[in-house]
PDB file of N, CA and C in Angstrom:
ATOM      1  N   MET A   1       0.847  -1.169   0.000  1.00  0.00           N
ATOM      2  CA  MET A   1       0.000   0.000   0.000  1.00  0.00           C
ATOM      3  C   MET A   1       0.892   1.232   0.000  1.00  0.00           C
ATOM      4  N   GLY A   2       0.750   2.137  -1.005  1.00  0.00           N
ATOM      5  CA  GLY A   2       1.589   3.325  -1.107  1.00  0.00           C
ATOM      6  C   GLY A   2       1.014   4.494  -0.327  1.00  0.00           C
ATOM      7  N   SER A   3       1.875   5.431  -0.026  1.00  0.00           N
ATOM      8  CA  SER A   3       1.426   6.630   0.670  1.00  0.00           C
ATOM      9  C   SER A   3       0.923   7.638  -0.358  1.00  0.00           C
ATOM     10  N   SER A   4       0.051   8.530   0.072  1.00  0.00           N
ATOM     11  CA  SER A   4      -0.471   9.544  -0.830  1.00  0.00           C
ATOM     12  C   SER A   4       0.602  10.599  -1.098  1.00  0.00           C
ATOM     13  N   PRO A   5       0.559  11.214  -2.283  1.00  0.00           N
ATOM     14  CA  PRO A   5       1.540  12.257  -2.597  1.00  0.00           C
ATOM     15  C   PRO A   5       1.444  13.406  -1.611  1.00  0.00           C
ATOM     16  N   ARG A   6       2.586  13.990  -1.310  1.00  0.00           N
ATOM     17  CA  ARG A   6       2.660  15.105  -0.369  1.00  0.00           C
ATOM     18  C   ARG A   6       3.345  16.292  -1.026  1.00  0.00           C
ATOM     19  N   ALA A   7       3.056  17.445  -0.491  1.00  0.00           N
ATOM     20  CA  ALA A   7       3.724  18.659  -0.946  1.00  0.00           C
ATOM     21  C   ALA A   7       4.898  18.940  -0.018  1.00  0.00           C
ATOM     22  N   PHE A   8       5.953  19.473  -0.571  1.00  0.00           N
ATOM     23  CA  PHE A   8       7.125  19.874   0.195  1.00  0.00           C
ATOM     24  C   PHE A   8       7.113  21.388   0.316  1.00  0.00           C
ATOM     25  N   LEU A   9       7.358  21.877   1.513  1.00  0.00           N
ATOM     26  CA  LEU A   9       7.418  23.309   1.761  1.00  0.00           C
ATOM     27  C   LEU A   9       8.787  23.663   2.308  1.00  0.00           C
ATOM     28  N   SER A  10       9.323  24.765   1.841  1.00  0.00           N
ATOM     29  CA  SER A  10      10.621  25.225   2.325  1.00  0.00           C
ATOM     30  C   SER A  10      10.543  26.727   2.555  1.00  0.00           C
ATOM     31  N   PHE A  11      11.109  27.160   3.671  1.00  0.00           N
ATOM     32  CA  PHE A  11      11.213  28.578   3.990  1.00  0.00           C
ATOM     33  C   PHE A  11      12.694  28.851   4.194  1.00  0.00           C
ATOM     34  N   SER A  12      13.284  29.666   3.340  1.00  0.00           N
ATOM     35  CA  SER A  12      14.735  29.835   3.346  1.00  0.00           C
ATOM     36  C   SER A  12      15.129  31.297   3.216  1.00  0.00           C
ATOM     37  N   ASN A  13      16.319  31.604   3.727  1.00  0.00           N
ATOM     38  CA  ASN A  13      16.891  32.917   3.450  1.00  0.00           C
ATOM     39  C   ASN A  13      18.216  32.768   2.694  1.00  0.00           C
ATOM     40  N   SER A  14      18.526  31.540   2.274  1.00  0.00           N
ATOM     41  CA  SER A  14      19.690  31.304   1.423  1.00  0.00           C
ATOM     42  C   SER A  14      19.328  30.250   0.380  1.00  0.00           C
ATOM     43  N   LYS A  15      20.096  30.193  -0.686  1.00  0.00           N
ATOM     44  CA  LYS A  15      19.798  29.313  -1.803  1.00  0.00           C
ATOM     45  C   LYS A  15      19.912  27.829  -1.475  1.00  0.00           C
ATOM     46  N   PHE A  16      20.928  27.479  -0.691  1.00  0.00           N
ATOM     47  CA  PHE A  16      21.281  26.070  -0.523  1.00  0.00           C
ATOM     48  C   PHE A  16      20.828  25.476   0.804  1.00  0.00           C
ATOM     49  N   THR A  17      20.466  24.204   0.754  1.00  0.00           N
ATOM     50  CA  THR A  17      20.114  23.409   1.921  1.00  0.00           C
ATOM     51  C   THR A  17      20.902  22.113   1.826  1.00  0.00           C
ATOM     52  N   GLY A  18      21.402  21.632   2.935  1.00  0.00           N
ATOM     53  CA  GLY A  18      22.133  20.363   2.913  1.00  0.00           C
ATOM     54  C   GLY A  18      23.399  20.438   2.097  1.00  0.00           C
ATOM     55  N   GLY A  19      24.000  21.596   2.008  1.00  0.00           N
ATOM     56  CA  GLY A  19      25.267  21.743   1.298  1.00  0.00           C
ATOM     57  C   GLY A  19      25.104  22.110  -0.163  1.00  0.00           C
ATOM     58  N   LYS A  20      24.527  21.200  -0.967  1.00  0.00           N
ATOM     59  CA  LYS A  20      24.503  21.419  -2.411  1.00  0.00           C
ATOM     60  C   LYS A  20      23.113  21.431  -3.037  1.00  0.00           C
ATOM     61  N   MET A  21      22.068  21.221  -2.244  1.00  0.00           N
ATOM     62  CA  MET A  21      20.722  21.242  -2.815  1.00  0.00           C
ATOM     63  C   MET A  21      20.232  22.690  -2.877  1.00  0.00           C
ATOM     64  N   MET A  22      19.946  23.169  -4.090  1.00  0.00           N
ATOM     65  CA  MET A  22      19.525  24.550  -4.298  1.00  0.00           C
ATOM     66  C   MET A  22      17.997  24.623  -4.189  1.00  0.00           C
ATOM     67  N   ILE A  23      17.518  24.499  -2.974  1.00  0.00           N
ATOM     68  CA  ILE A  23      16.084  24.458  -2.717  1.00  0.00           C
ATOM     69  C   ILE A  23      15.417  25.793  -3.035  1.00  0.00           C
ATOM     70  N   ALA A  24      16.067  26.890  -2.722  1.00  0.00           N
ATOM     71  CA  ALA A  24      15.495  28.224  -2.925  1.00  0.00           C
ATOM     72  C   ALA A  24      16.421  29.056  -3.806  1.00  0.00           C
ATOM     73  N   PRO A  25      16.439  28.785  -5.113  1.00  0.00           N
ATOM     74  CA  PRO A  25      17.428  29.422  -5.989  1.00  0.00           C
ATOM     75  C   PRO A  25      17.323  30.939  -6.102  1.00  0.00           C
ATOM     76  N   LYS A  26      16.198  31.515  -5.733  1.00  0.00           N
ATOM     77  CA  LYS A  26      16.032  32.979  -5.815  1.00  0.00           C
ATOM     78  C   LYS A  26      16.316  33.666  -4.475  1.00  0.00           C
ATOM     79  N   ALA A  27      16.632  32.900  -3.441  1.00  0.00           N
ATOM     80  CA  ALA A  27      16.858  33.477  -2.109  1.00  0.00           C
ATOM     81  C   ALA A  27      18.162  34.278  -2.065  1.00  0.00           C
ATOM     82  N   ASP A  28      18.121  35.354  -1.280  1.00  0.00           N
ATOM     83  CA  ASP A  28      19.287  36.212  -1.078  1.00  0.00           C
ATOM     84  C   ASP A  28      19.390  36.500   0.421  1.00  0.00           C
ATOM     85  N   PRO A  29      20.440  36.022   1.080  1.00  0.00           N
ATOM     86  CA  PRO A  29      20.531  36.204   2.534  1.00  0.00           C
ATOM     87  C   PRO A  29      20.687  37.654   2.982  1.00  0.00           C
ATOM     88  N   THR A  30      20.866  38.576   2.050  1.00  0.00           N
ATOM     89  CA  THR A  30      21.044  39.984   2.426  1.00  0.00           C
ATOM     90  C   THR A  30      19.817  40.858   2.172  1.00  0.00           C
ATOM     91  N   ASP A  31      18.754  40.303   1.575  1.00  0.00           N
ATOM     92  CA  ASP A  31      17.629  41.162   1.190  1.00  0.00           C
ATOM     93  C   ASP A  31      16.514  41.266   2.231  1.00  0.00           C
ATOM     94  N   GLY A  32      16.581  40.494   3.322  1.00  0.00           N
ATOM     95  CA  GLY A  32      15.563  40.571   4.359  1.00  0.00           C
ATOM     96  C   GLY A  32      14.268  39.859   4.042  1.00  0.00           C
ATOM     97  N   TRP A  33      14.253  39.048   2.984  1.00  0.00           N
ATOM     98  CA  TRP A  33      13.056  38.314   2.573  1.00  0.00           C
ATOM     99  C   TRP A  33      13.217  36.827   2.850  1.00  0.00           C
ATOM    100  N   ILE A  34      12.111  36.165   3.162  1.00  0.00           N
ATOM    101  CA  ILE A  34      12.059  34.706   3.294  1.00  0.00           C
ATOM    102  C   ILE A  34      11.590  34.163   1.951  1.00  0.00           C
ATOM    103  N   GLU A  35      12.315  33.223   1.412  1.00  0.00           N
ATOM    104  CA  GLU A  35      11.927  32.581   0.154  1.00  0.00           C
ATOM    105  C   GLU A  35      11.073  31.362   0.488  1.00  0.00           C
ATOM    106  N   TYR A  36       9.847  31.356   0.007  1.00  0.00           N
ATOM    107  CA  TYR A  36       8.896  30.274   0.226  1.00  0.00           C
ATOM    108  C   TYR A  36       8.838  29.439  -1.048  1.00  0.00           C
ATOM    109  N   VAL A  37       9.120  28.135  -0.943  1.00  0.00           N
ATOM    110  CA  VAL A  37       9.058  27.242  -2.094  1.00  0.00           C
ATOM    111  C   VAL A  37       8.126  26.095  -1.751  1.00  0.00           C
ATOM    112  N   ARG A  38       7.137  25.874  -2.616  1.00  0.00           N
ATOM    113  CA  ARG A  38       6.202  24.756  -2.469  1.00  0.00           C
ATOM    114  C   ARG A  38       6.323  23.895  -3.710  1.00  0.00           C
ATOM    115  N   TRP A  39       6.438  22.578  -3.506  1.00  0.00           N
ATOM    116  CA  TRP A  39       6.578  21.658  -4.625  1.00  0.00           C
ATOM    117  C   TRP A  39       5.673  20.473  -4.369  1.00  0.00           C
ATOM    118  N   GLY A  40       4.674  20.301  -5.199  1.00  0.00           N
ATOM    119  CA  GLY A  40       3.810  19.150  -5.049  1.00  0.00           C
ATOM    120  C   GLY A  40       2.344  19.528  -5.100  1.00  0.00           C
ATOM    121  N   PRO A  41       1.475  18.559  -4.855  1.00  0.00           N
ATOM    122  CA  PRO A  41       1.851  17.233  -4.371  1.00  0.00           C
ATOM    123  C   PRO A  41       2.617  16.445  -5.420  1.00  0.00           C
ATOM    124  N   ILE A  42       3.581  15.720  -4.922  1.00  0.00           N
ATOM    125  CA  ILE A  42       4.423  14.895  -5.780  1.00  0.00           C
ATOM    126  C   ILE A  42       4.692  13.585  -5.038  1.00  0.00           C
ATOM    127  N   GLY A  43       4.471  12.482  -5.711  1.00  0.00           N
ATOM    128  CA  GLY A  43       4.669  11.170  -5.104  1.00  0.00           C
ATOM    129  C   GLY A  43       6.133  10.764  -5.087  1.00  0.00           C
ATOM    130  N   ARG A  44       6.390   9.591  -4.541  1.00  0.00           N
ATOM    131  CA  ARG A  44       7.780   9.098  -4.450  1.00  0.00           C
ATOM    132  C   ARG A  44       8.428   8.954  -5.817  1.00  0.00           C
ATOM    133  N   LEU A  45       7.704   8.408  -6.774  1.00  0.00           N
ATOM    134  CA  LEU A  45       8.259   8.231  -8.118  1.00  0.00           C
ATOM    135  C   LEU A  45       8.561   9.587  -8.756  1.00  0.00           C
ATOM    136  N   GLY A  46       7.642  10.534  -8.604  1.00  0.00           N
ATOM    137  CA  GLY A  46       7.869  11.887  -9.127  1.00  0.00           C
ATOM    138  C   GLY A  46       9.064  12.545  -8.480  1.00  0.00           C
ATOM    139  N   LEU A  47       9.214  12.357  -7.175  1.00  0.00           N
ATOM    140  CA  LEU A  47      10.359  12.922  -6.467  1.00  0.00           C
ATOM    141  C   LEU A  47      11.665  12.310  -6.970  1.00  0.00           C
ATOM    142  N   LEU A  48      11.689  10.975  -7.099  1.00  0.00           N
ATOM    143  CA  LEU A  48      12.899  10.311  -7.598  1.00  0.00           C
ATOM    144  C   LEU A  48      13.245  10.774  -9.012  1.00  0.00           C
ATOM    145  N   TRP A  49      12.244  10.866  -9.870  1.00  0.00           N
ATOM    146  CA  TRP A  49      12.461  11.266 -11.263  1.00  0.00           C
ATOM    147  C   TRP A  49      13.018  12.685 -11.349  1.00  0.00           C
ATOM    148  N   ASN A  50      12.531  13.569 -10.478  1.00  0.00           N
ATOM    149  CA  ASN A  50      12.911  14.983 -10.517  1.00  0.00           C
ATOM    150  C   ASN A  50      14.002  15.362  -9.520  1.00  0.00           C
ATOM    151  N   PHE A  51      14.503  14.401  -8.764  1.00  0.00           N
ATOM    152  CA  PHE A  51      15.476  14.675  -7.710  1.00  0.00           C
ATOM    153  C   PHE A  51      16.689  15.483  -8.180  1.00  0.00           C
ATOM    154  N   PRO A  52      17.275  15.178  -9.346  1.00  0.00           N
ATOM    155  CA  PRO A  52      18.442  15.973  -9.784  1.00  0.00           C
ATOM    156  C   PRO A  52      18.152  17.469  -9.907  1.00  0.00           C
ATOM    157  N   SER A  53      16.902  17.841 -10.166  1.00  0.00           N
ATOM    158  CA  SER A  53      16.577  19.256 -10.332  1.00  0.00           C
ATOM    159  C   SER A  53      16.711  20.033  -9.015  1.00  0.00           C
ATOM    160  N   LEU A  54      16.729  19.331  -7.867  1.00  0.00           N
ATOM    161  CA  LEU A  54      16.935  19.999  -6.577  1.00  0.00           C
ATOM    162  C   LEU A  54      18.354  20.564  -6.455  1.00  0.00           C
ATOM    163  N   PHE A  55      19.283  20.019  -7.205  1.00  0.00           N
ATOM    164  CA  PHE A  55      20.675  20.461  -7.135  1.00  0.00           C
ATOM    165  C   PHE A  55      20.965  21.609  -8.105  1.00  0.00           C
ATOM    166  N   THR A  56      20.086  21.810  -9.076  1.00  0.00           N
ATOM    167  CA  THR A  56      20.276  22.894 -10.034  1.00  0.00           C
ATOM    168  C   THR A  56      19.295  24.044  -9.801  1.00  0.00           C
ATOM    169  N   GLY A  57      18.311  23.821  -8.931  1.00  0.00           N
ATOM    170  CA  GLY A  57      17.297  24.831  -8.666  1.00  0.00           C
ATOM    171  C   GLY A  57      16.186  24.869  -9.695  1.00  0.00           C
ATOM    172  N   THR A  58      16.235  23.969 -10.679  1.00  0.00           N
ATOM    173  CA  THR A  58      15.217  23.972 -11.736  1.00  0.00           C
ATOM    174  C   THR A  58      13.907  23.319 -11.305  1.00  0.00           C
ATOM    175  N   HIS A  59      13.849  22.759 -10.104  1.00  0.00           N
ATOM    176  CA  HIS A  59      12.590  22.181  -9.621  1.00  0.00           C
ATOM    177  C   HIS A  59      11.500  23.253  -9.504  1.00  0.00           C
ATOM    178  N   ILE A  60      11.881  24.518  -9.349  1.00  0.00           N
ATOM    179  CA  ILE A  60      10.867  25.573  -9.233  1.00  0.00           C
ATOM    180  C   ILE A  60      10.170  25.840 -10.570  1.00  0.00           C
ATOM    181  N   GLU A  61      10.693  25.257 -11.661  1.00  0.00           N
ATOM    182  CA  GLU A  61      10.052  25.370 -12.971  1.00  0.00           C
ATOM    183  C   GLU A  61       9.047  24.254 -13.209  1.00  0.00           C
ATOM    184  N   HIS A  62       9.009  23.268 -12.291  1.00  0.00           N
ATOM    185  CA  HIS A  62       8.065  22.151 -12.400  1.00  0.00           C
ATOM    186  C   HIS A  62       6.640  22.694 -12.345  1.00  0.00           C
ATOM    187  N   ARG A  63       5.717  22.078 -13.052  1.00  0.00           N
ATOM    188  CA  ARG A  63       4.334  22.570 -13.100  1.00  0.00           C
ATOM    189  C   ARG A  63       3.645  22.547 -11.742  1.00  0.00           C
ATOM    190  N   ARG A  64       4.151  21.761 -10.813  1.00  0.00           N
ATOM    191  CA  ARG A  64       3.565  21.692  -9.474  1.00  0.00           C
ATOM    192  C   ARG A  64       4.376  22.464  -8.435  1.00  0.00           C
ATOM    193  N   ALA A  65       5.226  23.346  -8.898  1.00  0.00           N
ATOM    194  CA  ALA A  65       6.049  24.140  -7.972  1.00  0.00           C
ATOM    195  C   ALA A  65       5.614  25.597  -8.015  1.00  0.00           C
ATOM    196  N   SER A  66       5.818  26.262  -6.881  1.00  0.00           N
ATOM    197  CA  SER A  66       5.593  27.701  -6.825  1.00  0.00           C
ATOM    198  C   SER A  66       6.580  28.294  -5.828  1.00  0.00           C
ATOM    199  N   ARG A  67       6.844  29.576  -5.983  1.00  0.00           N
ATOM    200  CA  ARG A  67       7.764  30.255  -5.076  1.00  0.00           C
ATOM    201  C   ARG A  67       7.336  31.706  -4.942  1.00  0.00           C
ATOM    202  N   ALA A  68       7.711  32.269  -3.800  1.00  0.00           N
ATOM    203  CA  ALA A  68       7.412  33.670  -3.534  1.00  0.00           C
ATOM    204  C   ALA A  68       8.334  34.146  -2.420  1.00  0.00           C
ATOM    205  N   GLY A  69       8.438  35.435  -2.273  1.00  0.00           N
ATOM    206  CA  GLY A  69       9.193  36.026  -1.186  1.00  0.00           C
ATOM    207  C   GLY A  69       8.231  36.699  -0.221  1.00  0.00           C
ATOM    208  N   ALA A  70       8.588  36.721   1.051  1.00  0.00           N
ATOM    209  CA  ALA A  70       7.737  37.363   2.060  1.00  0.00           C
ATOM    210  C   ALA A  70       8.611  37.934   3.164  1.00  0.00           C
ATOM    211  N   LYS A  71       8.163  39.011   3.758  1.00  0.00           N
ATOM    212  CA  LYS A  71       8.861  39.584   4.911  1.00  0.00           C
ATOM    213  C   LYS A  71       8.488  38.836   6.189  1.00  0.00           C
ATOM    214  N   ARG A  72       7.251  38.324   6.232  1.00  0.00           N
ATOM    215  CA  ARG A  72       6.758  37.606   7.405  1.00  0.00           C
ATOM    216  C   ARG A  72       5.773  36.546   6.928  1.00  0.00           C
ATOM    217  N   ILE A  73       5.821  35.378   7.540  1.00  0.00           N
ATOM    218  CA  ILE A  73       4.890  34.297   7.224  1.00  0.00           C
ATOM    219  C   ILE A  73       4.179  33.896   8.508  1.00  0.00           C
ATOM    220  N   GLU A  74       2.852  33.883   8.459  1.00  0.00           N
ATOM    221  CA  GLU A  74       2.023  33.503   9.607  1.00  0.00           C
ATOM    222  C   GLU A  74       1.518  32.078   9.407  1.00  0.00           C
ATOM    223  N   PHE A  75       1.485  31.308  10.495  1.00  0.00           N
ATOM    224  CA  PHE A  75       0.970  29.943  10.462  1.00  0.00           C
ATOM    225  C   PHE A  75      -0.262  29.845  11.350  1.00  0.00           C
ATOM    226  N   ASN A  76      -1.222  29.059  10.922  1.00  0.00           N
ATOM    227  CA  ASN A  76      -2.416  28.788  11.715  1.00  0.00           C
ATOM    228  C   ASN A  76      -2.502  27.276  11.882  1.00  0.00           C
ATOM    229  N   LEU A  77      -1.723  26.739  12.817  1.00  0.00           N
ATOM    230  CA  LEU A  77      -1.628  25.296  13.030  1.00  0.00           C
ATOM    231  C   LEU A  77      -2.362  24.903  14.303  1.00  0.00           C
ATOM    232  N   ASP A  78      -2.956  23.719  14.282  1.00  0.00           N
ATOM    233  CA  ASP A  78      -3.694  23.230  15.447  1.00  0.00           C
ATOM    234  C   ASP A  78      -2.786  22.700  16.549  1.00  0.00           C
ATOM    235  N   ALA A  79      -1.589  22.252  16.177  1.00  0.00           N
ATOM    236  CA  ALA A  79      -0.705  21.621  17.155  1.00  0.00           C
ATOM    237  C   ALA A  79       0.743  21.742  16.675  1.00  0.00           C
ATOM    238  N   PRO A  80       1.703  21.511  17.572  1.00  0.00           N
ATOM    239  CA  PRO A  80       3.108  21.490  17.145  1.00  0.00           C
ATOM    240  C   PRO A  80       3.320  20.428  16.062  1.00  0.00           C
ATOM    241  N   MET A  81       4.310  20.641  15.222  1.00  0.00           N
ATOM    242  CA  MET A  81       4.609  19.673  14.167  1.00  0.00           C
ATOM    243  C   MET A  81       6.107  19.504  14.013  1.00  0.00           C
ATOM    244  N   ASN A  82       6.498  18.383  13.406  1.00  0.00           N
ATOM    245  CA  ASN A  82       7.911  18.129  13.144  1.00  0.00           C
ATOM    246  C   ASN A  82       8.371  19.008  11.990  1.00  0.00           C
ATOM    247  N   VAL A  83       9.492  19.691  12.208  1.00  0.00           N
ATOM    248  CA  VAL A  83      10.047  20.614  11.228  1.00  0.00           C
ATOM    249  C   VAL A  83      11.538  20.313  11.093  1.00  0.00           C
ATOM    250  N   LEU A  84      12.035  20.298   9.864  1.00  0.00           N
ATOM    251  CA  LEU A  84      13.458  20.101   9.618  1.00  0.00           C
ATOM    252  C   LEU A  84      14.128  21.471   9.632  1.00  0.00           C
ATOM    253  N   VAL A  85      14.990  21.707  10.619  1.00  0.00           N
ATOM    254  CA  VAL A  85      15.697  22.977  10.771  1.00  0.00           C
ATOM    255  C   VAL A  85      17.193  22.698  10.670  1.00  0.00           C
ATOM    256  N   ASP A  86      17.786  23.136   9.563  1.00  0.00           N
ATOM    257  CA  ASP A  86      19.222  22.967   9.351  1.00  0.00           C
ATOM    258  C   ASP A  86      19.679  21.531   9.594  1.00  0.00           C
ATOM    259  N   GLY A  87      18.913  20.575   9.077  1.00  0.00           N
ATOM    260  CA  GLY A  87      19.289  19.166   9.170  1.00  0.00           C
ATOM    261  C   GLY A  87      18.814  18.448  10.417  1.00  0.00           C
ATOM    262  N   GLU A  88      18.201  19.171  11.339  1.00  0.00           N
ATOM    263  CA  GLU A  88      17.712  18.568  12.588  1.00  0.00           C
ATOM    264  C   GLU A  88      16.188  18.590  12.599  1.00  0.00           C
ATOM    265  N   ILE A  89      15.569  17.487  13.009  1.00  0.00           N
ATOM    266  CA  ILE A  89      14.123  17.450  13.139  1.00  0.00           C
ATOM    267  C   ILE A  89      13.750  17.945  14.528  1.00  0.00           C
ATOM    268  N   LEU A  90      12.954  19.015  14.562  1.00  0.00           N
ATOM    269  CA  LEU A  90      12.502  19.615  15.818  1.00  0.00           C
ATOM    270  C   LEU A  90      10.980  19.643  15.832  1.00  0.00           C
ATOM    271  N   ARG A  91      10.392  19.423  16.979  1.00  0.00           N
ATOM    272  CA  ARG A  91       8.943  19.550  17.126  1.00  0.00           C
ATOM    273  C   ARG A  91       8.670  20.978  17.595  1.00  0.00           C
ATOM    274  N   LEU A  92       8.033  21.760  16.731  1.00  0.00           N
ATOM    275  CA  LEU A  92       7.842  23.180  17.009  1.00  0.00           C
ATOM    276  C   LEU A  92       6.374  23.582  16.928  1.00  0.00           C
ATOM    277  N   ASP A  93       6.033  24.564  17.711  1.00  0.00           N
ATOM    278  CA  ASP A  93       4.725  25.198  17.655  1.00  0.00           C
ATOM    279  C   ASP A  93       4.923  26.514  16.910  1.00  0.00           C
ATOM    280  N   CYS A  94       4.953  26.444  15.593  1.00  0.00           N
ATOM    281  CA  CYS A  94       5.253  27.611  14.757  1.00  0.00           C
ATOM    282  C   CYS A  94       4.051  28.531  14.654  1.00  0.00           C
ATOM    283  N   ARG A  95       4.266  29.798  14.907  1.00  0.00           N
ATOM    284  CA  ARG A  95       3.220  30.808  14.746  1.00  0.00           C
ATOM    285  C   ARG A  95       3.573  31.781  13.616  1.00  0.00           C
ATOM    286  N   SER A  96       4.877  32.082  13.476  1.00  0.00           N
ATOM    287  CA  SER A  96       5.285  32.989  12.408  1.00  0.00           C
ATOM    288  C   SER A  96       6.784  32.855  12.158  1.00  0.00           C
ATOM    289  N   LEU A  97       7.192  33.316  10.975  1.00  0.00           N
ATOM    290  CA  LEU A  97       8.606  33.408  10.606  1.00  0.00           C
ATOM    291  C   LEU A  97       8.853  34.813  10.079  1.00  0.00           C
ATOM    292  N   GLU A  98       9.988  35.372  10.449  1.00  0.00           N
ATOM    293  CA  GLU A  98      10.399  36.634   9.853  1.00  0.00           C
ATOM    294  C   GLU A  98      11.913  36.767   9.960  1.00  0.00           C
ATOM    295  N   ILE A  99      12.482  37.547   9.078  1.00  0.00           N
ATOM    296  CA  ILE A  99      13.916  37.796   9.052  1.00  0.00           C
ATOM    297  C   ILE A  99      14.211  38.938  10.015  1.00  0.00           C
ATOM    298  N   LEU A 100      15.218  38.755  10.845  1.00  0.00           N
ATOM    299  CA  LEU A 100      15.674  39.819  11.740  1.00  0.00           C
ATOM    300  C   LEU A 100      17.011  40.326  11.202  1.00  0.00           C
ATOM    301  N   PRO A 101      17.006  41.429  10.483  1.00  0.00           N
ATOM    302  CA  PRO A 101      18.241  41.942   9.882  1.00  0.00           C
ATOM    303  C   PRO A 101      19.345  42.173  10.919  1.00  0.00           C
ATOM    304  N   ALA A 102      20.542  41.738  10.564  1.00  0.00           N
ATOM    305  CA  ALA A 102      21.742  41.924  11.379  1.00  0.00           C
ATOM    306  C   ALA A 102      21.640  41.276  12.774  1.00  0.00           C
ATOM    307  N   ALA A 103      20.782  40.260  12.921  1.00  0.00           N
ATOM    308  CA  ALA A 103      20.604  39.604  14.231  1.00  0.00           C
ATOM    309  C   ALA A 103      21.718  38.601  14.516  1.00  0.00           C
ATOM    310  N   LEU A 104      22.490  38.227  13.534  1.00  0.00           N
ATOM    311  CA  LEU A 104      23.550  37.241  13.695  1.00  0.00           C
ATOM    312  C   LEU A 104      24.881  37.854  13.291  1.00  0.00           C
ATOM    313  N   GLU A 105      25.828  37.808  14.187  1.00  0.00           N
ATOM    314  CA  GLU A 105      27.158  38.297  13.875  1.00  0.00           C
ATOM    315  C   GLU A 105      28.035  37.092  13.523  1.00  0.00           C
ATOM    316  N   VAL A 106      28.773  37.213  12.440  1.00  0.00           N
ATOM    317  CA  VAL A 106      29.629  36.135  11.967  1.00  0.00           C
ATOM    318  C   VAL A 106      31.089  36.603  12.074  1.00  0.00           C
ATOM    319  N   ALA A 107      31.889  35.855  12.801  1.00  0.00           N
ATOM    320  CA  ALA A 107      33.320  36.172  12.906  1.00  0.00           C
ATOM    321  C   ALA A 107      34.095  35.266  11.958  1.00  0.00           C
ATOM    322  N   VAL A 108      35.001  35.848  11.228  1.00  0.00           N
ATOM    323  CA  VAL A 108      35.774  35.080  10.265  1.00  0.00           C
ATOM    324  C   VAL A 108      37.189  34.901  10.756  1.00  0.00           C
TER     325      VAL A 108
END
């Protein structure tokens, strides 16, 4: 018995996830916008067939993909959910996302 197709959602402020996967090819970490990418619903076979496009960013050209930029994203969820954050699965009660300019200092 197969699982039903699911949609993938990504909220990013940079192009790459997991090192080389260009999940949000239009994202710019300096512009203060969150890049929202939705792909699907797409089943396992569709995902496998299109998997290479995740590394080139061309998955956003798929007929079942969409993308947009936002300054703030609001969620209306009934309960906490599992979320993948920088490679770690966290159970979060998400209410909103927004970019905080200059909130992180990077020392080189």
